[in-house]
Amino acid sequence: MNFLKYIVKLFSIIQKEIPVTHNKCHVCDGTGAYDIYTDCLTCNGKGLISKMEYNRMIEEGEI
């Protein structure tokens, strides 16, 4: 059973720990995928957005 949990954890898309300097992407919800075939264009497929970029998006009304 532990082996199965290890495999699921290994192939998990979402990062478990978000660095202090970043926020989870609001478009892809941290997965990095916009849909099945394309990466999220907001975070470039990383699943994270820097806090500076996030605050800029809020100020400009993009979010």
C-alpha atoms as a PDB file:
ATOM      1  CA  MET A   1       0.000   0.000   0.000  1.00  0.00           C
ATOM      2  CA  ASN A   2       2.852   2.402   0.735  1.00  0.00           C
ATOM      3  CA  PHE A   3       4.239   1.733  -2.733  1.00  0.00           C
ATOM      4  CA  LEU A   4       0.964   2.870  -4.302  1.00  0.00           C
ATOM      5  CA  LYS A   5       0.995   6.107  -2.279  1.00  0.00           C
ATOM      6  CA  TYR A   6       4.598   6.688  -3.338  1.00  0.00           C
ATOM      7  CA  ILE A   7       3.704   6.279  -7.027  1.00  0.00           C
ATOM      8  CA  VAL A   8       0.755   8.686  -6.709  1.00  0.00           C
ATOM      9  CA  LYS A   9       2.974  11.218  -4.933  1.00  0.00           C
ATOM     10  CA  LEU A  10       5.700  10.824  -7.548  1.00  0.00           C
ATOM     11  CA  PHE A  11       3.384  11.544 -10.471  1.00  0.00           C
ATOM     12  CA  SER A  12       1.337  14.261  -8.777  1.00  0.00           C
ATOM     13  CA  ILE A  13       1.059  17.364 -10.968  1.00  0.00           C
ATOM     14  CA  ILE A  14       0.428  19.956  -8.283  1.00  0.00           C
ATOM     15  CA  GLN A  15       3.401  21.107  -6.227  1.00  0.00           C
ATOM     16  CA  LYS A  16       2.918  20.453  -2.532  1.00  0.00           C
ATOM     17  CA  GLU A  17       5.012  23.332  -1.193  1.00  0.00           C
ATOM     18  CA  ILE A  18       4.602  26.817  -2.611  1.00  0.00           C
ATOM     19  CA  PRO A  19       7.653  29.061  -2.077  1.00  0.00           C
ATOM     20  CA  VAL A  20       7.193  32.203  -0.005  1.00  0.00           C
ATOM     21  CA  THR A  21       7.916  34.384  -3.043  1.00  0.00           C
ATOM     22  CA  HIS A  22       5.170  32.875  -5.227  1.00  0.00           C
ATOM     23  CA  ASN A  23       1.410  32.310  -5.368  1.00  0.00           C
ATOM     24  CA  LYS A  24      -0.526  29.470  -6.951  1.00  0.00           C
ATOM     25  CA  CYS A  25      -1.717  30.309 -10.451  1.00  0.00           C
ATOM     26  CA  HIS A  26      -5.388  31.346 -10.437  1.00  0.00           C
ATOM     27  CA  VAL A  27      -6.045  30.202 -14.012  1.00  0.00           C
ATOM     28  CA  CYS A  28      -4.816  26.604 -13.870  1.00  0.00           C
ATOM     29  CA  ASP A  29      -5.172  26.207 -10.078  1.00  0.00           C
ATOM     30  CA  GLY A  30      -1.500  25.279  -9.753  1.00  0.00           C
ATOM     31  CA  THR A  31      -1.445  22.390 -12.216  1.00  0.00           C
ATOM     32  CA  GLY A  32       0.324  24.199 -15.047  1.00  0.00           C
ATOM     33  CA  ALA A  33      -2.092  22.834 -17.655  1.00  0.00           C
ATOM     34  CA  TYR A  34      -4.707  25.025 -19.344  1.00  0.00           C
ATOM     35  CA  ASP A  35      -6.353  22.050 -21.012  1.00  0.00           C
ATOM     36  CA  ILE A  36      -5.287  18.587 -22.136  1.00  0.00           C
ATOM     37  CA  TYR A  37      -3.039  19.760 -24.954  1.00  0.00           C
ATOM     38  CA  THR A  38      -1.706  23.168 -23.883  1.00  0.00           C
ATOM     39  CA  ASP A  39       0.152  24.590 -20.922  1.00  0.00           C
ATOM     40  CA  CYS A  40      -1.235  27.504 -18.974  1.00  0.00           C
ATOM     41  CA  LEU A  41      -0.160  30.744 -20.666  1.00  0.00           C
ATOM     42  CA  THR A  42      -0.459  32.795 -17.481  1.00  0.00           C
ATOM     43  CA  CYS A  43       2.199  30.867 -15.545  1.00  0.00           C
ATOM     44  CA  ASN A  44       3.962  29.266 -18.558  1.00  0.00           C
ATOM     45  CA  GLY A  45       3.083  25.785 -17.340  1.00  0.00           C
ATOM     46  CA  LYS A  46       4.816  26.185 -13.962  1.00  0.00           C
ATOM     47  CA  GLY A  47       1.712  26.438 -11.795  1.00  0.00           C
ATOM     48  CA  LEU A  48       3.187  29.340  -9.842  1.00  0.00           C
ATOM     49  CA  ILE A  49       3.215  33.116 -10.308  1.00  0.00           C
ATOM     50  CA  SER A  50       5.655  35.437  -8.544  1.00  0.00           C
ATOM     51  CA  LYS A  51       4.023  37.722  -5.995  1.00  0.00           C
ATOM     52  CA  MET A  52       5.215  40.807  -7.905  1.00  0.00           C
ATOM     53  CA  GLU A  53       3.548  39.575 -11.104  1.00  0.00           C
ATOM     54  CA  TYR A  54       0.418  38.584  -9.165  1.00  0.00           C
ATOM     55  CA  ASN A  55       0.129  42.039  -7.569  1.00  0.00           C
ATOM     56  CA  ARG A  56       0.677  43.704 -10.968  1.00  0.00           C
ATOM     57  CA  MET A  57      -2.166  41.639 -12.444  1.00  0.00           C
ATOM     58  CA  ILE A  58      -4.490  42.688  -9.618  1.00  0.00           C
ATOM     59  CA  GLU A  59      -3.606  46.379 -10.037  1.00  0.00           C
ATOM     60  CA  GLU A  60      -4.191  46.266 -13.794  1.00  0.00           C
ATOM     61  CA  GLY A  61      -7.500  44.440 -13.364  1.00  0.00           C
ATOM     62  CA  GLU A  62      -6.464  41.262 -15.180  1.00  0.00           C
ATOM     63  CA  ILE A  63      -7.649  39.135 -12.290  1.00  0.00           C
END
